[in-house]
């Protein structure tokens, strides 16, 4: 009897406060702030020699570096959102792509499964499969 291959995943979270004003229906809303919450899942099909998928702290560090430019700022004035609509969906895609590039530095056997951005209670955007 052979065991089915397992997929492993770890989840890491970061949070920050920032303001934004998105364009809805061609109209820019007024500037307002949120306490953003970003969660990511890093997955792989095997563990390393120490029985780890990867180091939680490395993923935490990468995620903190990615969201640092947004902390206590105005997303509309911070790249890449100075050029694109700073929606929760766009933020999830940005984090997903940036983290995917950084995760490849750790190991090619790892992938970012999803990135979940909570803009406000019960308002969540998820990016899946957005590659670097």
C-alpha atoms as a PDB file:
ATOM      1  CA  UNK A   1       0.000   0.000   0.000  1.00  0.00           C
ATOM      2  CA  UNK A   2       1.575   3.279  -1.083  1.00  0.00           C
ATOM      3  CA  UNK A   3       0.952   6.539   0.658  1.00  0.00           C
ATOM      4  CA  UNK A   4      -0.511   9.403  -1.363  1.00  0.00           C
ATOM      5  CA  UNK A   5       1.899  12.299  -1.780  1.00  0.00           C
ATOM      6  CA  UNK A   6       1.208  15.124   0.623  1.00  0.00           C
ATOM      7  CA  UNK A   7       1.188  18.819  -0.054  1.00  0.00           C
ATOM      8  CA  UNK A   8       2.391  20.980   2.804  1.00  0.00           C
ATOM      9  CA  UNK A   9       1.642  24.633   3.448  1.00  0.00           C
ATOM     10  CA  UNK A  10       2.465  27.334   5.955  1.00  0.00           C
ATOM     11  CA  UNK A  11       0.569  30.571   6.441  1.00  0.00           C
ATOM     12  CA  UNK A  12       2.030  33.896   7.479  1.00  0.00           C
ATOM     13  CA  UNK A  13       0.313  37.205   8.190  1.00  0.00           C
ATOM     14  CA  UNK A  14       1.249  40.891   8.253  1.00  0.00           C
ATOM     15  CA  UNK A  15      -0.817  43.983   8.923  1.00  0.00           C
ATOM     16  CA  UNK A  16      -0.459  47.686   8.313  1.00  0.00           C
ATOM     17  CA  UNK A  17      -2.505  50.875   8.310  1.00  0.00           C
ATOM     18  CA  UNK A  18      -2.769  52.860   5.084  1.00  0.00           C
ATOM     19  CA  UNK A  19      -5.145  55.136   3.224  1.00  0.00           C
ATOM     20  CA  UNK A  20      -6.417  54.880  -0.333  1.00  0.00           C
ATOM     21  CA  UNK A  21      -9.003  56.336  -2.675  1.00  0.00           C
ATOM     22  CA  UNK A  22     -10.098  53.980  -5.422  1.00  0.00           C
ATOM     23  CA  UNK A  23     -11.905  54.750  -8.644  1.00  0.00           C
ATOM     24  CA  UNK A  24     -15.374  53.187  -8.822  1.00  0.00           C
ATOM     25  CA  UNK A  25     -17.460  53.638 -11.959  1.00  0.00           C
ATOM     26  CA  UNK A  26     -15.091  56.329 -13.186  1.00  0.00           C
ATOM     27  CA  UNK A  27     -15.399  58.360  -9.996  1.00  0.00           C
ATOM     28  CA  UNK A  28     -12.633  58.601  -7.426  1.00  0.00           C
ATOM     29  CA  UNK A  29     -13.925  58.128  -3.892  1.00  0.00           C
ATOM     30  CA  UNK A  30     -12.677  60.240  -1.020  1.00  0.00           C
ATOM     31  CA  UNK A  31      -9.412  59.303   0.694  1.00  0.00           C
ATOM     32  CA  UNK A  32      -9.984  56.999   3.666  1.00  0.00           C
ATOM     33  CA  UNK A  33      -7.944  54.591   5.760  1.00  0.00           C
ATOM     34  CA  UNK A  34      -7.980  50.907   6.584  1.00  0.00           C
ATOM     35  CA  UNK A  35      -6.182  48.527   8.878  1.00  0.00           C
ATOM     36  CA  UNK A  36      -5.082  46.097   6.157  1.00  0.00           C
ATOM     37  CA  UNK A  37      -4.390  42.444   6.899  1.00  0.00           C
ATOM     38  CA  UNK A  38      -2.357  40.354   4.453  1.00  0.00           C
ATOM     39  CA  UNK A  39      -2.195  36.562   4.765  1.00  0.00           C
ATOM     40  CA  UNK A  40      -0.190  34.291   2.486  1.00  0.00           C
ATOM     41  CA  UNK A  41       0.084  30.544   2.031  1.00  0.00           C
ATOM     42  CA  UNK A  42       3.373  29.044   0.880  1.00  0.00           C
ATOM     43  CA  UNK A  43       3.132  25.440  -0.296  1.00  0.00           C
ATOM     44  CA  UNK A  44       5.279  22.602  -1.546  1.00  0.00           C
ATOM     45  CA  UNK A  45       5.128  18.883  -2.121  1.00  0.00           C
ATOM     46  CA  UNK A  46       8.058  17.917   0.091  1.00  0.00           C
ATOM     47  CA  UNK A  47       9.826  18.782   3.326  1.00  0.00           C
ATOM     48  CA  UNK A  48      13.523  19.502   3.596  1.00  0.00           C
ATOM     49  CA  UNK A  49      16.105  17.443   5.509  1.00  0.00           C
ATOM     50  CA  UNK A  50      15.012  19.109   8.761  1.00  0.00           C
ATOM     51  CA  UNK A  51      11.341  18.177   8.170  1.00  0.00           C
ATOM     52  CA  UNK A  52      10.442  21.787   7.288  1.00  0.00           C
ATOM     53  CA  UNK A  53       8.607  23.140   4.295  1.00  0.00           C
ATOM     54  CA  UNK A  54      10.516  26.390   4.847  1.00  0.00           C
ATOM     55  CA  UNK A  55      11.375  28.807   7.624  1.00  0.00           C
ATOM     56  CA  UNK A  56       8.323  30.765   8.841  1.00  0.00           C
ATOM     57  CA  UNK A  57      10.607  33.656   9.763  1.00  0.00           C
ATOM     58  CA  UNK A  58      12.019  33.974   6.245  1.00  0.00           C
ATOM     59  CA  UNK A  59       8.491  34.242   4.818  1.00  0.00           C
ATOM     60  CA  UNK A  60       7.522  36.720   7.557  1.00  0.00           C
ATOM     61  CA  UNK A  61      10.585  38.819   6.709  1.00  0.00           C
ATOM     62  CA  UNK A  62       9.814  38.784   2.974  1.00  0.00           C
ATOM     63  CA  UNK A  63       6.184  39.744   3.572  1.00  0.00           C
ATOM     64  CA  UNK A  64       7.172  42.544   5.978  1.00  0.00           C
ATOM     65  CA  UNK A  65       9.585  43.948   3.377  1.00  0.00           C
ATOM     66  CA  UNK A  66       6.905  43.857   0.674  1.00  0.00           C
ATOM     67  CA  UNK A  67       4.278  45.742   2.718  1.00  0.00           C
ATOM     68  CA  UNK A  68       6.728  48.148   4.446  1.00  0.00           C
ATOM     69  CA  UNK A  69       6.400  50.905   1.799  1.00  0.00           C
ATOM     70  CA  UNK A  70       2.633  51.015   2.383  1.00  0.00           C
ATOM     71  CA  UNK A  71       2.732  51.279   6.184  1.00  0.00           C
ATOM     72  CA  UNK A  72       1.120  54.489   7.504  1.00  0.00           C
ATOM     73  CA  UNK A  73       0.990  55.969   4.017  1.00  0.00           C
ATOM     74  CA  UNK A  74      -1.299  56.744   1.122  1.00  0.00           C
ATOM     75  CA  UNK A  75      -1.402  53.846  -1.347  1.00  0.00           C
ATOM     76  CA  UNK A  76      -2.297  56.271  -4.152  1.00  0.00           C
ATOM     77  CA  UNK A  77       1.127  57.890  -3.714  1.00  0.00           C
ATOM     78  CA  UNK A  78       3.118  54.649  -3.339  1.00  0.00           C
ATOM     79  CA  UNK A  79       4.361  52.535  -6.268  1.00  0.00           C
ATOM     80  CA  UNK A  80       2.874  50.613  -7.950  1.00  0.00           C
ATOM     81  CA  UNK A  81      -0.425  52.168  -6.827  1.00  0.00           C
ATOM     82  CA  UNK A  82       0.608  55.635  -7.903  1.00  0.00           C
ATOM     83  CA  UNK A  83      -0.026  54.275 -11.426  1.00  0.00           C
ATOM     84  CA  UNK A  84      -2.870  51.776 -10.869  1.00  0.00           C
ATOM     85  CA  UNK A  85      -6.136  51.743  -8.922  1.00  0.00           C
ATOM     86  CA  UNK A  86      -5.197  50.745  -5.324  1.00  0.00           C
ATOM     87  CA  UNK A  87      -7.906  48.127  -4.822  1.00  0.00           C
ATOM     88  CA  UNK A  88      -7.651  45.211  -2.427  1.00  0.00           C
ATOM     89  CA  UNK A  89      -7.511  42.905  -5.460  1.00  0.00           C
ATOM     90  CA  UNK A  90      -4.570  44.827  -6.946  1.00  0.00           C
ATOM     91  CA  UNK A  91      -2.796  44.771  -3.578  1.00  0.00           C
ATOM     92  CA  UNK A  92      -3.297  40.996  -3.330  1.00  0.00           C
ATOM     93  CA  UNK A  93      -1.885  40.544  -6.855  1.00  0.00           C
ATOM     94  CA  UNK A  94       1.103  42.794  -6.081  1.00  0.00           C
ATOM     95  CA  UNK A  95       1.959  40.893  -2.888  1.00  0.00           C
ATOM     96  CA  UNK A  96       1.435  37.523  -4.614  1.00  0.00           C
ATOM     97  CA  UNK A  97       3.840  38.405  -7.427  1.00  0.00           C
ATOM     98  CA  UNK A  98       6.473  40.029  -5.204  1.00  0.00           C
ATOM     99  CA  UNK A  99       6.407  37.178  -2.700  1.00  0.00           C
ATOM    100  CA  UNK A 100       6.602  34.585  -5.488  1.00  0.00           C
ATOM    101  CA  UNK A 101       9.870  36.165  -6.653  1.00  0.00           C
ATOM    102  CA  UNK A 102      11.275  36.126  -3.108  1.00  0.00           C
ATOM    103  CA  UNK A 103      10.114  32.561  -2.369  1.00  0.00           C
ATOM    104  CA  UNK A 104      12.060  31.342  -5.394  1.00  0.00           C
ATOM    105  CA  UNK A 105      15.190  32.559  -3.577  1.00  0.00           C
ATOM    106  CA  UNK A 106      14.472  30.052  -0.802  1.00  0.00           C
ATOM    107  CA  UNK A 107      13.716  27.043  -2.979  1.00  0.00           C
ATOM    108  CA  UNK A 108      12.318  26.275  -6.414  1.00  0.00           C
ATOM    109  CA  UNK A 109      10.142  23.566  -4.800  1.00  0.00           C
ATOM    110  CA  UNK A 110       8.036  26.256  -3.065  1.00  0.00           C
ATOM    111  CA  UNK A 111       5.127  28.255  -4.431  1.00  0.00           C
ATOM    112  CA  UNK A 112       2.841  30.968  -3.102  1.00  0.00           C
ATOM    113  CA  UNK A 113      -0.540  29.267  -3.113  1.00  0.00           C
ATOM    114  CA  UNK A 114      -2.642  32.344  -2.386  1.00  0.00           C
ATOM    115  CA  UNK A 115      -2.564  35.835  -0.953  1.00  0.00           C
ATOM    116  CA  UNK A 116      -5.541  37.109   1.019  1.00  0.00           C
ATOM    117  CA  UNK A 117      -6.010  40.833   1.695  1.00  0.00           C
ATOM    118  CA  UNK A 118      -8.595  42.011   4.217  1.00  0.00           C
ATOM    119  CA  UNK A 119      -9.459  45.654   3.667  1.00  0.00           C
ATOM    120  CA  UNK A 120     -12.213  45.816   6.259  1.00  0.00           C
ATOM    121  CA  UNK A 121     -14.162  43.219   8.241  1.00  0.00           C
ATOM    122  CA  UNK A 122     -15.870  40.861   5.771  1.00  0.00           C
ATOM    123  CA  UNK A 123     -14.203  42.562   2.763  1.00  0.00           C
ATOM    124  CA  UNK A 124     -11.536  40.183   1.480  1.00  0.00           C
ATOM    125  CA  UNK A 125      -9.730  39.867  -1.851  1.00  0.00           C
ATOM    126  CA  UNK A 126      -7.732  36.762  -2.808  1.00  0.00           C
ATOM    127  CA  UNK A 127      -5.087  36.320  -5.512  1.00  0.00           C
ATOM    128  CA  UNK A 128      -4.237  32.803  -6.638  1.00  0.00           C
ATOM    129  CA  UNK A 129      -1.632  31.796  -9.156  1.00  0.00           C
ATOM    130  CA  UNK A 130      -0.377  35.301  -9.948  1.00  0.00           C
ATOM    131  CA  UNK A 131       3.194  34.550 -10.989  1.00  0.00           C
ATOM    132  CA  UNK A 132       6.210  36.797 -10.653  1.00  0.00           C
END
